[in-house]
């Protein structure tokens, strides 16, 4: 990727956290062993931030230590989203079809939803606690900036909004299928979020990613969680050092 043009790099970033593998076929990565997280930086020259970066994700978030924002700076505006569900070998991902009306506002800039995907166990921790799964909604601005909404998932009732995904999820290499998801029904009622500047959680671990991790988790049933874990027993990156970062707590509902 060292010779990628600016448009090519922007295209890579638009793919989000877990779709980088297709653009980096020369540097296969995984979540274990010789191609696992501890080795990502050695797999390709462009992965150096995975080891040397000072704003890496995920992190352990502590609500009690978060600061209040100087002004309201973020908002999540999601409704229904249509796209193609794929298994890219690292996660289940819904790639949106065409321009999206779903967006996140960060510092006055609109970031439109490009895709969402899942990790198990959760990549972020909340007050030291890990969750069974985590949902990442990846949004991209016109100039290539990335804002990600992180949603923690706990075991509980069946998630009807996500039922179309976990009822017979595709296997790696299989053809994807078209789906429509109501994101407004999926997200928790409480949109209080912990916001910080971090990175992609997969190679090349690009920094300057704006994170908004919702404090209230959503629920999935044990059967839904098991359906994902049959495909991906563990696809999370371990926690990274804070390096002096201080998350901000705000309501991202409006």
Foldseek 3Di string as FASTA:
>chain_A
DVPDDPVRVLVLLLVAQPQNCVVPVQQDAACDDCRRLVNVCVRDVLQVCSPVPLFADDAEAEPVQFAADPDDFKAWDFFKFKAWWACALQWTKGATDPWAPTWMGGRNFTWTWGMKTKFAFDRYHYPNHIAGMKMWTWTATPSSAIEIEIAHEHADDADPQCVVCQPDHDAHPDGIGMDMGTVVSQDDPFQKWWWWWHFRQHPSGHTRYIYTYGPDHHYHHPSSSVSRCVRPVGNYRHHDDCNPIHIHIDGRHD
